[in-house]
Amino acid sequence: MGKNLVGNHIRKLRFNHDEMTQQQLADKVEVTRQTIVALEKGNYSPSLELAFRIAHAFNLPLEEVFFYGDNTKV
């Protein structure tokens, strides 16, 4: 079986939300900026709770922020 990753559109969503900084998003979801950096680089898969907090920060459903496997559309 191939390696499937949890991916996300966080960087694009930040840009589309008044160019929100990584620090601003981190503050909203109560994590460090380094956590946001790791998420955007694909080096870290969030807990379910954090994934929901991030989706809520963008006022979007979870599946519009995160995806499983190869899905590059927003």
N, C-alpha and C. Protein backbone atom coordinates (compact mmCIF):
# COMPACT_ATOMS: atom_id res chain seq x y z
N MET A 1 0.84 -1.17 0.00
CA MET A 1 0.00 0.00 0.00
C MET A 1 0.89 1.24 0.00
N GLY A 2 0.54 2.25 -0.79
CA GLY A 2 1.31 3.49 -0.86
C GLY A 2 1.11 4.34 0.37
N LYS A 3 1.99 5.29 0.53
CA LYS A 3 1.91 6.19 1.68
C LYS A 3 0.90 7.29 1.40
N ASN A 4 -0.15 7.36 2.20
CA ASN A 4 -1.15 8.42 2.07
C ASN A 4 -0.92 9.44 3.18
N LEU A 5 -1.01 10.68 2.82
CA LEU A 5 -0.76 11.76 3.77
C LEU A 5 -2.00 12.61 3.96
N VAL A 6 -2.09 13.19 5.13
CA VAL A 6 -3.11 14.20 5.35
C VAL A 6 -2.52 15.51 4.87
N GLY A 7 -3.15 16.11 3.87
CA GLY A 7 -2.69 17.37 3.33
C GLY A 7 -3.64 18.49 3.73
N ASN A 8 -3.26 19.70 3.39
CA ASN A 8 -4.11 20.83 3.76
C ASN A 8 -3.91 21.99 2.80
N HIS A 9 -4.83 22.92 2.90
CA HIS A 9 -4.80 24.14 2.09
C HIS A 9 -4.58 25.37 2.97
N ILE A 10 -3.92 25.20 4.10
CA ILE A 10 -3.80 26.28 5.08
C ILE A 10 -3.10 27.50 4.50
N ARG A 11 -2.00 27.31 3.82
CA ARG A 11 -1.24 28.46 3.29
C ARG A 11 -2.12 29.28 2.34
N LYS A 12 -2.80 28.61 1.42
CA LYS A 12 -3.67 29.29 0.47
C LYS A 12 -4.83 29.99 1.20
N LEU A 13 -5.39 29.32 2.19
CA LEU A 13 -6.51 29.91 2.94
C LEU A 13 -6.07 31.14 3.73
N ARG A 14 -4.87 31.08 4.30
CA ARG A 14 -4.36 32.26 5.02
C ARG A 14 -4.24 33.45 4.07
N PHE A 15 -3.70 33.19 2.89
CA PHE A 15 -3.53 34.25 1.91
C PHE A 15 -4.90 34.84 1.52
N ASN A 16 -5.88 33.97 1.34
CA ASN A 16 -7.22 34.41 0.94
C ASN A 16 -8.01 35.06 2.07
N HIS A 17 -7.53 34.96 3.28
CA HIS A 17 -8.18 35.59 4.43
C HIS A 17 -7.35 36.80 4.87
N ASP A 18 -7.32 37.79 4.01
CA ASP A 18 -6.60 39.05 4.29
C ASP A 18 -5.13 38.83 4.62
N GLU A 19 -4.52 37.85 3.94
CA GLU A 19 -3.10 37.55 4.14
C GLU A 19 -2.75 37.36 5.61
N MET A 20 -3.57 36.54 6.28
CA MET A 20 -3.36 36.20 7.68
C MET A 20 -1.96 35.61 7.85
N THR A 21 -1.27 36.04 8.87
CA THR A 21 0.07 35.51 9.12
C THR A 21 -0.03 34.15 9.83
N GLN A 22 1.07 33.43 9.79
CA GLN A 22 1.12 32.16 10.53
C GLN A 22 0.90 32.41 12.01
N GLN A 23 1.46 33.50 12.52
CA GLN A 23 1.29 33.80 13.94
C GLN A 23 -0.15 34.12 14.28
N GLN A 24 -0.83 34.86 13.43
CA GLN A 24 -2.24 35.18 13.68
C GLN A 24 -3.09 33.91 13.73
N LEU A 25 -2.85 32.99 12.80
CA LEU A 25 -3.59 31.73 12.82
C LEU A 25 -3.23 30.92 14.06
N ALA A 26 -1.96 30.87 14.38
CA ALA A 26 -1.53 30.14 15.57
C ALA A 26 -2.21 30.68 16.82
N ASP A 27 -2.29 31.99 16.94
CA ASP A 27 -2.95 32.61 18.09
C ASP A 27 -4.44 32.24 18.13
N LYS A 28 -5.09 32.23 16.97
CA LYS A 28 -6.52 31.90 16.91
C LYS A 28 -6.81 30.47 17.35
N VAL A 29 -5.92 29.55 16.99
CA VAL A 29 -6.17 28.14 17.29
C VAL A 29 -5.36 27.63 18.47
N GLU A 30 -4.66 28.55 19.13
CA GLU A 30 -3.93 28.28 20.37
C GLU A 30 -2.83 27.23 20.23
N VAL A 31 -1.98 27.43 19.20
CA VAL A 31 -0.78 26.62 19.03
C VAL A 31 0.37 27.57 18.75
N THR A 32 1.56 27.03 18.59
CA THR A 32 2.70 27.88 18.26
C THR A 32 2.76 28.10 16.74
N ARG A 33 3.48 29.14 16.36
CA ARG A 33 3.69 29.40 14.94
C ARG A 33 4.42 28.23 14.29
N GLN A 34 5.31 27.61 15.04
CA GLN A 34 6.06 26.47 14.50
C GLN A 34 5.13 25.31 14.14
N THR A 35 4.05 25.15 14.87
CA THR A 35 3.06 24.11 14.54
C THR A 35 2.41 24.41 13.20
N ILE A 36 2.07 25.67 12.96
CA ILE A 36 1.47 26.07 11.68
C ILE A 36 2.47 25.84 10.55
N VAL A 37 3.73 26.19 10.77
CA VAL A 37 4.78 25.97 9.77
C VAL A 37 4.86 24.48 9.42
N ALA A 38 4.90 23.62 10.44
CA ALA A 38 4.99 22.18 10.22
C ALA A 38 3.77 21.64 9.48
N LEU A 39 2.59 22.16 9.81
CA LEU A 39 1.37 21.75 9.10
C LEU A 39 1.45 22.13 7.63
N GLU A 40 1.81 23.37 7.36
CA GLU A 40 1.87 23.84 5.97
C GLU A 40 2.90 23.08 5.15
N LYS A 41 4.00 22.67 5.75
CA LYS A 41 5.04 21.92 5.05
C LYS A 41 4.68 20.45 4.89
N GLY A 42 3.62 20.02 5.56
CA GLY A 42 3.24 18.62 5.51
C GLY A 42 4.07 17.72 6.40
N ASN A 43 4.75 18.32 7.36
CA ASN A 43 5.59 17.55 8.29
C ASN A 43 4.83 17.09 9.53
N TYR A 44 3.58 17.50 9.64
CA TYR A 44 2.81 17.22 10.85
C TYR A 44 1.35 17.08 10.48
N SER A 45 0.71 16.04 10.98
CA SER A 45 -0.74 15.87 10.82
C SER A 45 -1.39 16.26 12.13
N PRO A 46 -2.37 17.15 12.09
CA PRO A 46 -2.96 17.66 13.33
C PRO A 46 -3.85 16.63 14.01
N SER A 47 -4.06 16.84 15.28
CA SER A 47 -5.07 16.06 15.99
C SER A 47 -6.43 16.44 15.41
N LEU A 48 -7.41 15.63 15.65
CA LEU A 48 -8.75 15.93 15.16
C LEU A 48 -9.26 17.24 15.74
N GLU A 49 -8.99 17.46 17.01
CA GLU A 49 -9.41 18.70 17.66
C GLU A 49 -8.77 19.92 17.00
N LEU A 50 -7.47 19.86 16.75
CA LEU A 50 -6.79 20.99 16.11
C LEU A 50 -7.29 21.20 14.69
N ALA A 51 -7.53 20.12 13.96
CA ALA A 51 -8.06 20.25 12.60
C ALA A 51 -9.39 20.99 12.62
N PHE A 52 -10.26 20.66 13.56
CA PHE A 52 -11.55 21.35 13.65
C PHE A 52 -11.37 22.81 14.04
N ARG A 53 -10.42 23.09 14.94
CA ARG A 53 -10.18 24.49 15.34
C ARG A 53 -9.68 25.31 14.15
N ILE A 54 -8.82 24.73 13.34
CA ILE A 54 -8.31 25.44 12.16
C ILE A 54 -9.43 25.67 11.15
N ALA A 55 -10.22 24.65 10.88
CA ALA A 55 -11.35 24.81 9.96
C ALA A 55 -12.30 25.89 10.47
N HIS A 56 -12.56 25.89 11.76
CA HIS A 56 -13.44 26.90 12.36
C HIS A 56 -12.85 28.30 12.21
N ALA A 57 -11.54 28.42 12.33
CA ALA A 57 -10.88 29.73 12.19
C ALA A 57 -11.10 30.31 10.80
N PHE A 58 -11.23 29.44 9.80
CA PHE A 58 -11.49 29.89 8.43
C PHE A 58 -12.98 29.87 8.09
N ASN A 59 -13.80 29.44 9.06
CA ASN A 59 -15.25 29.35 8.86
C ASN A 59 -15.58 28.43 7.68
N LEU A 60 -14.88 27.29 7.62
CA LEU A 60 -15.05 26.32 6.54
C LEU A 60 -15.25 24.93 7.12
N PRO A 61 -15.89 24.05 6.34
CA PRO A 61 -15.97 22.65 6.78
C PRO A 61 -14.58 22.01 6.75
N LEU A 62 -14.38 21.04 7.57
CA LEU A 62 -13.09 20.36 7.70
C LEU A 62 -12.54 19.90 6.35
N GLU A 63 -13.40 19.35 5.50
CA GLU A 63 -12.93 18.79 4.23
C GLU A 63 -12.51 19.85 3.21
N GLU A 64 -12.78 21.12 3.49
CA GLU A 64 -12.29 22.18 2.61
C GLU A 64 -10.93 22.72 3.05
N VAL A 65 -10.50 22.29 4.22
CA VAL A 65 -9.19 22.70 4.74
C VAL A 65 -8.20 21.54 4.64
N PHE A 66 -8.66 20.34 4.96
CA PHE A 66 -7.80 19.16 4.98
C PHE A 66 -8.29 18.13 3.97
N PHE A 67 -7.35 17.32 3.49
CA PHE A 67 -7.69 16.22 2.59
C PHE A 67 -6.77 15.04 2.88
N TYR A 68 -7.23 13.89 2.46
CA TYR A 68 -6.46 12.65 2.66
C TYR A 68 -6.06 12.12 1.30
N GLY A 69 -4.78 11.93 1.08
CA GLY A 69 -4.31 11.45 -0.21
C GLY A 69 -3.96 12.60 -1.12
N ASP A 70 -4.08 12.37 -2.43
CA ASP A 70 -3.69 13.38 -3.41
C ASP A 70 -4.91 14.18 -3.86
N ASN A 71 -5.10 15.32 -3.24
CA ASN A 71 -6.22 16.21 -3.56
C ASN A 71 -5.70 17.63 -3.44
N THR A 72 -5.52 18.31 -4.56
CA THR A 72 -4.90 19.63 -4.51
C THR A 72 -5.89 20.76 -4.79
N LYS A 73 -7.18 20.46 -4.90
CA LYS A 73 -8.16 21.52 -5.15
C LYS A 73 -8.74 22.06 -3.86
N VAL A 74 -9.19 23.28 -3.91
CA VAL A 74 -9.83 23.90 -2.74
C VAL A 74 -11.31 23.85 -2.95
